[in-house]
C-alpha atoms as a PDB file:
ATOM      1  CA  MET A   1      53.820  68.280 120.103  1.00  0.00           C
ATOM      2  CA  ALA A   2      54.608  67.164 116.896  1.00  0.00           C
ATOM      3  CA  ASP A   3      57.696  65.040 118.152  1.00  0.00           C
ATOM      4  CA  GLU A   4      57.326  63.419 121.735  1.00  0.00           C
ATOM      5  CA  LEU A   5      60.295  63.574 123.831  1.00  0.00           C
ATOM      6  CA  LEU A   6      61.160  60.401 126.361  1.00  0.00           C
ATOM      7  CA  THR A   7      62.913  60.536 129.437  1.00  0.00           C
ATOM      8  CA  ILE A   8      66.056  58.023 129.732  1.00  0.00           C
ATOM      9  CA  PRO A   9      63.924  55.546 131.928  1.00  0.00           C
ATOM     10  CA  GLU A  10      61.177  55.012 129.202  1.00  0.00           C
ATOM     11  CA  VAL A  11      63.947  54.750 126.989  1.00  0.00           C
ATOM     12  CA  MET A  12      65.656  52.008 128.856  1.00  0.00           C
ATOM     13  CA  ALA A  13      62.018  50.728 128.945  1.00  0.00           C
ATOM     14  CA  ARG A  14      61.452  51.040 125.655  1.00  0.00           C
ATOM     15  CA  LEU A  15      64.664  49.295 124.664  1.00  0.00           C
ATOM     16  CA  ARG A  16      64.727  46.819 127.827  1.00  0.00           C
ATOM     17  CA  LEU A  17      68.392  48.164 128.586  1.00  0.00           C
ATOM     18  CA  GLY A  18      70.166  49.734 131.451  1.00  0.00           C
ATOM     19  CA  ARG A  19      70.805  53.316 131.841  1.00  0.00           C
ATOM     20  CA  SER A  20      74.496  53.015 130.891  1.00  0.00           C
ATOM     21  CA  THR A  21      73.804  50.933 127.918  1.00  0.00           C
ATOM     22  CA  VAL A  22      71.592  54.312 126.871  1.00  0.00           C
ATOM     23  CA  TYR A  23      73.968  56.552 127.708  1.00  0.00           C
ATOM     24  CA  ASP A  24      77.126  54.633 126.159  1.00  0.00           C
ATOM     25  CA  LEU A  25      74.631  55.141 123.233  1.00  0.00           C
ATOM     26  CA  ILE A  26      73.679  59.061 123.310  1.00  0.00           C
ATOM     27  CA  ARG A  27      77.312  59.401 124.195  1.00  0.00           C
ATOM     28  CA  SER A  28      78.822  57.899 120.935  1.00  0.00           C
ATOM     29  CA  ARG A  29      75.764  59.732 119.236  1.00  0.00           C
ATOM     30  CA  ARG A  30      74.185  56.730 118.036  1.00  0.00           C
ATOM     31  CA  LEU A  31      71.107  57.857 119.634  1.00  0.00           C
ATOM     32  CA  PRO A  32      70.167  61.607 118.955  1.00  0.00           C
ATOM     33  CA  SER A  33      69.237  63.656 122.536  1.00  0.00           C
ATOM     34  CA  LEU A  34      68.932  66.848 123.916  1.00  0.00           C
ATOM     35  CA  THR A  35      69.498  68.620 127.373  1.00  0.00           C
ATOM     36  CA  ILE A  36      66.540  70.973 128.529  1.00  0.00           C
ATOM     37  CA  GLY A  37      68.006  72.849 131.718  1.00  0.00           C
ATOM     38  CA  ARG A  38      69.412  69.270 133.171  1.00  0.00           C
ATOM     39  CA  ALA A  39      67.135  66.947 131.666  1.00  0.00           C
ATOM     40  CA  ARG A  40      67.901  64.560 129.621  1.00  0.00           C
ATOM     41  CA  ARG A  41      65.416  64.254 126.632  1.00  0.00           C
ATOM     42  CA  VAL A  42      65.184  61.620 123.442  1.00  0.00           C
ATOM     43  CA  PRO A  43      62.765  62.426 120.953  1.00  0.00           C
ATOM     44  CA  ALA A  44      60.826  59.434 120.132  1.00  0.00           C
ATOM     45  CA  ARG A  45      61.384  59.666 116.602  1.00  0.00           C
ATOM     46  CA  ALA A  46      65.073  59.541 116.835  1.00  0.00           C
ATOM     47  CA  LEU A  47      64.196  56.230 118.873  1.00  0.00           C
ATOM     48  CA  ARG A  48      62.340  54.976 115.821  1.00  0.00           C
ATOM     49  CA  ASP A  49      65.185  55.676 114.010  1.00  0.00           C
ATOM     50  CA  PHE A  50      67.644  53.873 115.881  1.00  0.00           C
ATOM     51  CA  ILE A  51      65.551  50.922 115.836  1.00  0.00           C
ATOM     52  CA  ASP A  52      64.595  50.624 112.136  1.00  0.00           C
ATOM     53  CA  ASP A  53      68.325  51.369 111.626  1.00  0.00           C
ATOM     54  CA  GLN A  54      69.306  48.199 114.016  1.00  0.00           C
ATOM     55  CA  ILE A  55      66.695  46.255 112.182  1.00  0.00           C
ATOM     56  CA  GLY A  56      68.107  47.103 108.928  1.00  0.00           C
ATOM     57  CA  GLU A  57      71.702  46.330 110.168  1.00  0.00           C
ATOM     58  CA  ALA A  58      70.484  42.739 111.388  1.00  0.00           C
ATOM     59  CA  ALA A  59      69.160  42.098 108.183  1.00  0.00           C
END
């Protein structure tokens, strides 16, 4: 698979944020995600892009 799909707990661990904050980022469309059945997944590339954008905004 070209792009790994991360679970919400994996995203929480990588960003060191709580569940509600991660879902707020998803809800506000700042962090793209997809739903497969009842499972929410975040593409690893989307997470990397989000982090890069945050670094760019902080500079």
